[in-house]
C-alpha atoms as a PDB file:
ATOM      1  CA  MET A   1     -32.988  46.668 -23.856  1.00  0.00           C
ATOM      2  CA  LYS A   2     -30.032  48.922 -22.975  1.00  0.00           C
ATOM      3  CA  ILE A   3     -27.331  47.788 -20.582  1.00  0.00           C
ATOM      4  CA  ALA A   4     -24.966  49.841 -18.383  1.00  0.00           C
ATOM      5  CA  ASN A   5     -22.248  50.475 -21.005  1.00  0.00           C
ATOM      6  CA  GLY A   6     -24.829  51.844 -23.457  1.00  0.00           C
ATOM      7  CA  THR A   7     -24.947  48.779 -25.676  1.00  0.00           C
ATOM      8  CA  LYS A   8     -28.379  47.756 -26.922  1.00  0.00           C
ATOM      9  CA  CYS A   9     -29.318  44.074 -26.773  1.00  0.00           C
ATOM     10  CA  LEU A  10     -32.384  42.501 -28.315  1.00  0.00           C
ATOM     11  CA  GLY A  11     -34.714  40.480 -26.117  1.00  0.00           C
ATOM     12  CA  THR A  12     -36.368  37.701 -28.112  1.00  0.00           C
ATOM     13  CA  GLY A  13     -38.651  36.303 -25.428  1.00  0.00           C
ATOM     14  CA  SER A  14     -40.418  37.222 -22.203  1.00  0.00           C
ATOM     15  CA  GLY A  15     -41.904  35.296 -19.358  1.00  0.00           C
ATOM     16  CA  SER A  16     -41.030  34.397 -15.766  1.00  0.00           C
ATOM     17  CA  ILE A  17     -37.916  33.157 -14.014  1.00  0.00           C
ATOM     18  CA  HIS A  18     -37.679  31.139 -10.827  1.00  0.00           C
ATOM     19  CA  PHE A  19     -34.771  31.266  -8.369  1.00  0.00           C
ATOM     20  CA  HIS A  20     -34.383  28.330  -5.972  1.00  0.00           C
ATOM     21  CA  LEU A  21     -32.128  30.097  -3.478  1.00  0.00           C
ATOM     22  CA  LYS A  22     -29.787  28.244  -1.147  1.00  0.00           C
ATOM     23  CA  CYS A  23     -31.506  29.757   1.897  1.00  0.00           C
ATOM     24  CA  GLY A  24     -34.757  28.038   0.859  1.00  0.00           C
ATOM     25  CA  LEU A  25     -36.593  30.965  -0.747  1.00  0.00           C
ATOM     26  CA  LEU A  26     -38.295  30.617  -4.135  1.00  0.00           C
ATOM     27  CA  LEU A  27     -38.332  33.888  -6.122  1.00  0.00           C
ATOM     28  CA  THR A  28     -40.533  34.288  -9.201  1.00  0.00           C
ATOM     29  CA  LEU A  29     -39.836  37.388 -11.331  1.00  0.00           C
ATOM     30  CA  LYS A  30     -40.632  38.683 -14.806  1.00  0.00           C
ATOM     31  CA  ALA A  31     -37.762  38.195 -17.221  1.00  0.00           C
ATOM     32  CA  LEU A  32     -36.495  38.785 -20.743  1.00  0.00           C
ATOM     33  CA  TYR A  33     -34.623  36.217 -22.811  1.00  0.00           C
ATOM     34  CA  VAL A  34     -31.576  37.937 -24.363  1.00  0.00           C
ATOM     35  CA  PRO A  35     -29.457  35.564 -26.529  1.00  0.00           C
ATOM     36  CA  ASP A  36     -26.484  37.998 -26.570  1.00  0.00           C
ATOM     37  CA  PHE A  37     -25.992  37.461 -22.820  1.00  0.00           C
ATOM     38  CA  GLY A  38     -24.951  33.851 -23.417  1.00  0.00           C
ATOM     39  CA  ALA A  39     -24.734  31.909 -20.155  1.00  0.00           C
ATOM     40  CA  VAL A  40     -24.914  35.062 -18.010  1.00  0.00           C
ATOM     41  CA  SER A  41     -28.119  35.797 -16.076  1.00  0.00           C
ATOM     42  CA  LEU A  42     -28.608  39.287 -14.619  1.00  0.00           C
ATOM     43  CA  ILE A  43     -31.156  40.556 -12.128  1.00  0.00           C
ATOM     44  CA  SER A  44     -31.605  44.169 -11.027  1.00  0.00           C
ATOM     45  CA  VAL A  45     -32.353  45.549  -7.590  1.00  0.00           C
ATOM     46  CA  ASP A  46     -35.325  47.447  -9.077  1.00  0.00           C
ATOM     47  CA  ALA A  47     -36.823  44.153 -10.251  1.00  0.00           C
ATOM     48  CA  LEU A  48     -36.612  42.779  -6.713  1.00  0.00           C
ATOM     49  CA  ASN A  49     -38.049  45.981  -5.208  1.00  0.00           C
ATOM     50  CA  ASN A  50     -40.931  45.976  -7.680  1.00  0.00           C
ATOM     51  CA  SER A  51     -41.709  42.413  -6.596  1.00  0.00           C
ATOM     52  CA  GLY A  52     -42.076  43.478  -2.960  1.00  0.00           C
ATOM     53  CA  TYR A  53     -38.611  42.600  -1.655  1.00  0.00           C
ATOM     54  CA  GLU A  54     -36.158  44.824   0.197  1.00  0.00           C
ATOM     55  CA  VAL A  55     -32.505  44.306  -0.809  1.00  0.00           C
ATOM     56  CA  ILE A  56     -29.818  44.900   1.825  1.00  0.00           C
ATOM     57  CA  PHE A  57     -26.084  45.175   1.018  1.00  0.00           C
ATOM     58  CA  ARG A  58     -23.450  45.007   3.734  1.00  0.00           C
ATOM     59  CA  SER A  59     -19.766  43.923   3.944  1.00  0.00           C
ATOM     60  CA  GLY A  60     -19.760  42.197   0.584  1.00  0.00           C
ATOM     61  CA  THR A  61     -22.952  40.247   1.210  1.00  0.00           C
ATOM     62  CA  CYS A  62     -26.481  40.597  -0.069  1.00  0.00           C
ATOM     63  CA  SER A  63     -29.652  39.875   1.915  1.00  0.00           C
ATOM     64  CA  LEU A  64     -33.352  39.929   1.156  1.00  0.00           C
ATOM     65  CA  LYS A  65     -36.472  40.458   3.225  1.00  0.00           C
ATOM     66  CA  SER A  66     -40.125  41.341   2.815  1.00  0.00           C
ATOM     67  CA  THR A  67     -43.261  41.765   4.898  1.00  0.00           C
ATOM     68  CA  SER A  68     -43.761  37.994   4.930  1.00  0.00           C
ATOM     69  CA  ILE A  69     -40.171  36.751   5.416  1.00  0.00           C
ATOM     70  CA  GLU A  70     -37.312  37.628   7.727  1.00  0.00           C
ATOM     71  CA  GLU A  71     -33.962  38.784   6.382  1.00  0.00           C
ATOM     72  CA  GLN A  72     -32.250  35.989   4.438  1.00  0.00           C
ATOM     73  CA  TYR A  73     -28.659  35.851   3.117  1.00  0.00           C
ATOM     74  CA  ILE A  74     -28.888  35.261  -0.642  1.00  0.00           C
ATOM     75  CA  GLY A  75     -25.574  36.229  -2.275  1.00  0.00           C
ATOM     76  CA  GLN A  76     -22.047  37.572  -2.057  1.00  0.00           C
ATOM     77  CA  ARG A  77     -19.967  40.083  -3.999  1.00  0.00           C
ATOM     78  CA  GLN A  78     -17.391  38.811  -6.471  1.00  0.00           C
ATOM     79  CA  VAL A  79     -13.792  39.769  -5.741  1.00  0.00           C
ATOM     80  CA  GLY A  80     -12.801  42.960  -7.579  1.00  0.00           C
ATOM     81  CA  SER A  81     -16.333  43.532  -8.892  1.00  0.00           C
ATOM     82  CA  ARG A  82     -19.469  45.452  -8.011  1.00  0.00           C
ATOM     83  CA  THR A  83     -21.781  42.610  -8.989  1.00  0.00           C
ATOM     84  CA  PHE A  84     -23.178  40.027  -6.592  1.00  0.00           C
ATOM     85  CA  THR A  85     -23.666  36.317  -7.209  1.00  0.00           C
ATOM     86  CA  LEU A  86     -26.897  34.727  -6.045  1.00  0.00           C
ATOM     87  CA  LEU A  87     -26.486  31.418  -4.221  1.00  0.00           C
ATOM     88  CA  GLY A  88     -28.928  28.843  -5.553  1.00  0.00           C
ATOM     89  CA  THR A  89     -30.305  27.049  -8.597  1.00  0.00           C
ATOM     90  CA  VAL A  90     -32.153  28.738 -11.474  1.00  0.00           C
ATOM     91  CA  LEU A  91     -35.109  27.281 -13.357  1.00  0.00           C
ATOM     92  CA  ALA A  92     -36.126  29.816 -16.020  1.00  0.00           C
ATOM     93  CA  GLU A  93     -39.158  29.747 -18.301  1.00  0.00           C
ATOM     94  CA  ALA A  94     -39.643  32.388 -21.029  1.00  0.00           C
ATOM     95  CA  GLN A  95     -42.296  32.699 -23.708  1.00  0.00           C
ATOM     96  CA  ALA A  96     -41.609  34.003 -27.234  1.00  0.00           C
ATOM     97  CA  ASN A  97     -43.945  33.759 -30.235  1.00  0.00           C
ATOM     98  CA  SER A  98     -46.224  31.388 -28.328  1.00  0.00           C
ATOM     99  CA  ALA A  99     -43.345  28.905 -27.885  1.00  0.00           C
ATOM    100  CA  ILE A 100     -42.080  27.851 -24.464  1.00  0.00           C
ATOM    101  CA  LEU A 101     -38.302  28.129 -24.017  1.00  0.00           C
ATOM    102  CA  THR A 102     -36.990  26.316 -20.939  1.00  0.00           C
ATOM    103  CA  THR A 103     -33.481  26.732 -19.555  1.00  0.00           C
ATOM    104  CA  LYS A 104     -32.247  24.645 -16.649  1.00  0.00           C
ATOM    105  CA  VAL A 105     -29.024  25.307 -14.804  1.00  0.00           C
ATOM    106  CA  ALA A 106     -28.274  21.675 -13.990  1.00  0.00           C
ATOM    107  CA  GLU A 107     -25.120  19.647 -13.544  1.00  0.00           C
ATOM    108  CA  ASP A 108     -24.424  16.157 -14.791  1.00  0.00           C
ATOM    109  CA  ILE A 109     -25.368  13.320 -12.472  1.00  0.00           C
ATOM    110  CA  ASP A 110     -21.754  12.181 -12.247  1.00  0.00           C
ATOM    111  CA  THR A 111     -20.918  15.433 -10.426  1.00  0.00           C
ATOM    112  CA  TRP A 112     -23.705  14.804  -7.919  1.00  0.00           C
ATOM    113  CA  HIS A 113     -22.477  11.210  -7.568  1.00  0.00           C
ATOM    114  CA  ARG A 114     -19.132  12.525  -6.288  1.00  0.00           C
ATOM    115  CA  ARG A 115     -20.745  15.151  -4.054  1.00  0.00           C
ATOM    116  CA  PHE A 116     -22.860  12.524  -2.294  1.00  0.00           C
ATOM    117  CA  ALA A 117     -19.810  10.410  -1.377  1.00  0.00           C
ATOM    118  CA  HIS A 118     -20.147   8.174  -4.462  1.00  0.00           C
ATOM    119  CA  LEU A 119     -23.765   7.163  -3.823  1.00  0.00           C
ATOM    120  CA  ASN A 120     -25.086   4.718  -6.446  1.00  0.00           C
ATOM    121  CA  LEU A 121     -26.967   6.333  -9.340  1.00  0.00           C
ATOM    122  CA  ALA A 122     -30.317   4.615  -8.698  1.00  0.00           C
ATOM    123  CA  ASP A 123     -30.616   6.051  -5.175  1.00  0.00           C
ATOM    124  CA  LEU A 124     -29.183   9.361  -6.352  1.00  0.00           C
ATOM    125  CA  ARG A 125     -32.004   9.776  -8.888  1.00  0.00           C
ATOM    126  CA  LEU A 126     -34.576   9.106  -6.143  1.00  0.00           C
ATOM    127  CA  LEU A 127     -32.920  11.626  -3.835  1.00  0.00           C
ATOM    128  CA  LEU A 128     -32.456  14.573  -6.213  1.00  0.00           C
ATOM    129  CA  PRO A 129     -35.159  16.669  -7.939  1.00  0.00           C
ATOM    130  CA  GLN A 130     -35.035  16.126 -11.686  1.00  0.00           C
ATOM    131  CA  GLU A 131     -34.327  19.784 -12.443  1.00  0.00           C
ATOM    132  CA  VAL A 132     -30.959  19.862 -10.622  1.00  0.00           C
ATOM    133  CA  TYR A 133     -29.193  17.150 -12.613  1.00  0.00           C
ATOM    134  CA  LYS A 134     -28.901  15.982 -16.188  1.00  0.00           C
ATOM    135  CA  GLU A 135     -28.337  12.486 -17.505  1.00  0.00           C
ATOM    136  CA  GLN A 136     -25.392  11.620 -19.702  1.00  0.00           C
ATOM    137  CA  ASN A 137     -25.625   9.937 -23.082  1.00  0.00           C
ATOM    138  CA  LYS A 138     -23.458   7.103 -21.862  1.00  0.00           C
ATOM    139  CA  LYS A 139     -23.147   5.413 -18.511  1.00  0.00           C
ATOM    140  CA  PRO A 140     -20.841   7.516 -16.286  1.00  0.00           C
ATOM    141  CA  THR A 141     -17.640   5.882 -15.148  1.00  0.00           C
ATOM    142  CA  CYS A 142     -16.152   6.647 -11.746  1.00  0.00           C
ATOM    143  CA  LEU A 143     -12.475   5.779 -11.341  1.00  0.00           C
ATOM    144  CA  VAL A 144     -12.726   5.934  -7.530  1.00  0.00           C
ATOM    145  CA  CYS A 145     -15.588   3.407  -7.415  1.00  0.00           C
ATOM    146  CA  ALA A 146     -13.896   1.123  -9.930  1.00  0.00           C
ATOM    147  CA  THR A 147     -10.648   1.166  -7.966  1.00  0.00           C
ATOM    148  CA  ALA A 148     -12.400   0.556  -4.641  1.00  0.00           C
ATOM    149  CA  LYS A 149     -14.253  -2.488  -5.996  1.00  0.00           C
ATOM    150  CA  ALA A 150     -11.230  -3.968  -7.767  1.00  0.00           C
ATOM    151  CA  LYS A 151      -9.458  -6.901  -6.175  1.00  0.00           C
ATOM    152  CA  GLN A 152      -5.685  -6.874  -6.315  1.00  0.00           C
ATOM    153  CA  GLN A 153      -4.265 -10.353  -6.653  1.00  0.00           C
ATOM    154  CA  PHE A 154      -1.077 -11.129  -4.786  1.00  0.00           C
ATOM    155  CA  GLN A 155       1.708 -12.275  -7.078  1.00  0.00           C
ATOM    156  CA  ARG A 156       4.346 -14.508  -5.556  1.00  0.00           C
ATOM    157  CA  THR A 157       7.897 -14.285  -6.887  1.00  0.00           C
ATOM    158  CA  THR A 158       8.409 -17.980  -6.072  1.00  0.00           C
ATOM    159  CA  PRO A 159       5.807 -20.768  -5.950  1.00  0.00           C
ATOM    160  CA  SER A 160       4.357 -21.599  -2.553  1.00  0.00           C
ATOM    161  CA  THR A 161       5.306 -25.021  -1.169  1.00  0.00           C
ATOM    162  CA  ARG A 162       3.807 -27.032   1.671  1.00  0.00           C
ATOM    163  CA  ALA A 163       5.382 -29.706   3.794  1.00  0.00           C
ATOM    164  CA  LYS A 164       4.807 -33.262   2.520  1.00  0.00           C
ATOM    165  CA  LYS A 165       4.743 -34.967   5.937  1.00  0.00           C
ATOM    166  CA  PRO A 166       4.387 -34.119   9.669  1.00  0.00           C
ATOM    167  CA  LEU A 167       7.304 -32.386  11.422  1.00  0.00           C
ATOM    168  CA  GLU A 168       8.972 -31.553   8.102  1.00  0.00           C
ATOM    169  CA  LEU A 169       8.469 -27.850   8.928  1.00  0.00           C
ATOM    170  CA  ILE A 170       7.537 -26.278  12.280  1.00  0.00           C
ATOM    171  CA  HIS A 171       6.626 -22.584  12.579  1.00  0.00           C
ATOM    172  CA  SER A 172       7.114 -20.811  15.907  1.00  0.00           C
ATOM    173  CA  ASP A 173       6.663 -17.381  17.455  1.00  0.00           C
ATOM    174  CA  LEU A 174       6.539 -15.780  20.888  1.00  0.00           C
ATOM    175  CA  CYS A 175       3.869 -13.336  22.108  1.00  0.00           C
ATOM    176  CA  GLY A 176       3.918 -11.036  25.130  1.00  0.00           C
ATOM    177  CA  PRO A 177       4.095  -9.500  27.612  1.00  0.00           C
ATOM    178  CA  ILE A 178       0.366 -10.006  28.252  1.00  0.00           C
ATOM    179  CA  SER A 179      -1.755  -7.949  30.625  1.00  0.00           C
ATOM    180  CA  PRO A 180      -3.108  -9.002  33.043  1.00  0.00           C
ATOM    181  CA  ILE A 181      -0.680 -11.667  34.216  1.00  0.00           C
ATOM    182  CA  SER A 182      -2.161 -15.148  34.555  1.00  0.00           C
ATOM    183  CA  PRO A 183      -2.837 -16.563  38.069  1.00  0.00           C
ATOM    184  CA  SER A 184       0.251 -18.760  37.697  1.00  0.00           C
ATOM    185  CA  GLY A 185       2.425 -15.725  36.873  1.00  0.00           C
ATOM    186  CA  CYS A 186       2.767 -16.295  33.095  1.00  0.00           C
ATOM    187  CA  ARG A 187       3.189 -13.215  30.922  1.00  0.00           C
ATOM    188  CA  TYR A 188       4.180 -14.838  27.585  1.00  0.00           C
ATOM    189  CA  TYR A 189       3.205 -17.752  25.384  1.00  0.00           C
ATOM    190  CA  ILE A 190       5.031 -19.568  22.618  1.00  0.00           C
ATOM    191  CA  LEU A 191       3.280 -21.148  19.640  1.00  0.00           C
ATOM    192  CA  TYR A 192       4.367 -24.124  17.510  1.00  0.00           C
ATOM    193  CA  ILE A 193       2.514 -24.949  14.255  1.00  0.00           C
ATOM    194  CA  ASP A 194       3.073 -28.003  12.075  1.00  0.00           C
ATOM    195  CA  ASP A 195       3.083 -26.849   8.431  1.00  0.00           C
ATOM    196  CA  TYR A 196       1.721 -30.176   7.120  1.00  0.00           C
ATOM    197  CA  SER A 197      -1.250 -30.725   9.473  1.00  0.00           C
ATOM    198  CA  ARG A 198      -1.699 -27.159  10.836  1.00  0.00           C
ATOM    199  CA  LEU A 199      -1.822 -28.693  14.295  1.00  0.00           C
ATOM    200  CA  SER A 200      -0.819 -26.142  16.954  1.00  0.00           C
ATOM    201  CA  TRP A 201       0.728 -26.348  20.422  1.00  0.00           C
ATOM    202  CA  VAL A 202       0.786 -23.499  22.958  1.00  0.00           C
ATOM    203  CA  TYR A 203       3.142 -23.208  25.940  1.00  0.00           C
ATOM    204  CA  PHE A 204       2.878 -20.489  28.583  1.00  0.00           C
ATOM    205  CA  LEU A 205       6.021 -18.793  29.949  1.00  0.00           C
ATOM    206  CA  ARG A 206       6.864 -16.562  32.889  1.00  0.00           C
ATOM    207  CA  THR A 207       9.789 -14.912  31.053  1.00  0.00           C
ATOM    208  CA  LYS A 208      11.209 -14.883  27.540  1.00  0.00           C
ATOM    209  CA  THR A 209      14.757 -15.701  28.512  1.00  0.00           C
ATOM    210  CA  SER A 210      16.670 -18.089  26.275  1.00  0.00           C
ATOM    211  CA  ALA A 211      16.980 -20.604  29.116  1.00  0.00           C
ATOM    212  CA  GLU A 212      13.214 -20.929  29.650  1.00  0.00           C
ATOM    213  CA  ILE A 213      12.427 -20.954  25.906  1.00  0.00           C
ATOM    214  CA  CYS A 214      15.043 -23.610  25.185  1.00  0.00           C
ATOM    215  CA  GLY A 215      13.636 -25.734  27.990  1.00  0.00           C
ATOM    216  CA  VAL A 216      10.122 -25.472  26.502  1.00  0.00           C
ATOM    217  CA  PHE A 217      11.438 -26.346  23.029  1.00  0.00           C
ATOM    218  CA  ARG A 218      13.224 -29.451  24.353  1.00  0.00           C
ATOM    219  CA  GLU A 219       9.959 -30.537  25.991  1.00  0.00           C
ATOM    220  CA  PHE A 220       7.967 -29.937  22.796  1.00  0.00           C
ATOM    221  CA  LYS A 221      10.559 -31.672  20.575  1.00  0.00           C
ATOM    222  CA  SER A 222      10.707 -34.772  22.795  1.00  0.00           C
ATOM    223  CA  MET A 223       6.906 -34.995  22.971  1.00  0.00           C
ATOM    224  CA  VAL A 224       6.132 -34.742  19.227  1.00  0.00           C
ATOM    225  CA  GLU A 225       9.015 -36.928  18.075  1.00  0.00           C
ATOM    226  CA  LEU A 226       8.047 -39.632  20.586  1.00  0.00           C
ATOM    227  CA  LYS A 227       4.444 -39.647  19.359  1.00  0.00           C
ATOM    228  CA  LEU A 228       5.343 -39.544  15.671  1.00  0.00           C
ATOM    229  CA  GLN A 229       8.501 -41.652  15.631  1.00  0.00           C
ATOM    230  CA  PRO A 230      10.449 -42.313  13.528  1.00  0.00           C
ATOM    231  CA  LEU A 231       9.649 -38.788  12.214  1.00  0.00           C
ATOM    232  CA  ARG A 232      11.806 -35.936  13.490  1.00  0.00           C
ATOM    233  CA  ILE A 233      11.679 -32.121  13.203  1.00  0.00           C
ATOM    234  CA  THR A 234      13.495 -31.309   9.950  1.00  0.00           C
ATOM    235  CA  ARG A 235      13.110 -27.526   9.648  1.00  0.00           C
ATOM    236  CA  PHE A 236      12.279 -24.893  12.253  1.00  0.00           C
ATOM    237  CA  ARG A 237      11.084 -21.464  11.017  1.00  0.00           C
ATOM    238  CA  THR A 238      10.968 -18.336  13.251  1.00  0.00           C
ATOM    239  CA  ASP A 239      11.405 -14.561  12.974  1.00  0.00           C
ATOM    240  CA  ASN A 240      14.921 -14.783  14.483  1.00  0.00           C
ATOM    241  CA  GLY A 241      13.936 -12.943  17.656  1.00  0.00           C
ATOM    242  CA  LYS A 242      17.078 -12.062  19.629  1.00  0.00           C
ATOM    243  CA  GLY A 243      15.664 -13.057  23.007  1.00  0.00           C
ATOM    244  CA  GLU A 244      13.969 -16.250  21.838  1.00  0.00           C
ATOM    245  CA  TYR A 245      15.941 -18.026  19.113  1.00  0.00           C
ATOM    246  CA  ASP A 246      18.908 -16.024  17.824  1.00  0.00           C
ATOM    247  CA  ASN A 247      21.235 -16.869  20.710  1.00  0.00           C
ATOM    248  CA  SER A 248      24.039 -19.305  21.470  1.00  0.00           C
ATOM    249  CA  GLU A 249      22.031 -21.443  23.884  1.00  0.00           C
ATOM    250  CA  PHE A 250      19.224 -22.205  21.429  1.00  0.00           C
END
């Protein structure tokens, strides 16, 4: 065959070619297998016309219609070129010397795995037609999936220690304001946790002034030390909140 620049290329096989277009159409046309073209596949407007299709070019796009189908958008013009690229997948079959030569334009399954939001390969194979993907010789590895499934272990700079007896360490924090206000007018609560037993006490407050918080702490301290005497509160751990603990009165 002779191409546009006058160069002659030898066709070594003939047969049919099938275009699975993105718009849903399936085109079947006569074709020649020309090894010199490499990975390039060309189709002429005359070939489409001879197959009963009308080709329409407008504003850098290409459409197709016939007596049995409405106009369908099938391709677009490449930037700086007069050629158009068809949008779809090609499954070509050509016959030469009674041998069947099959060429599939397919992408590796790992690419489809990423396109389908990292769907597992077993379900991906059930979802996709076999002609649109190709298997790899080795099991594909996905860094995103491996990272998402990995568990990062927290490394402490110092060993964690627990209290050895009740009241050795008390944790405390204040929460609020809370909406809605309680029927008694409380908008805050203060929490005390014993590090040894994990026993918790909750006190409700109307304000978070140092006077009210100190009064609640005195009540809590007297209560727990009376019940657990002779034990006494040894350490008191907070977040050093200015209104609650980091003040002269406390």
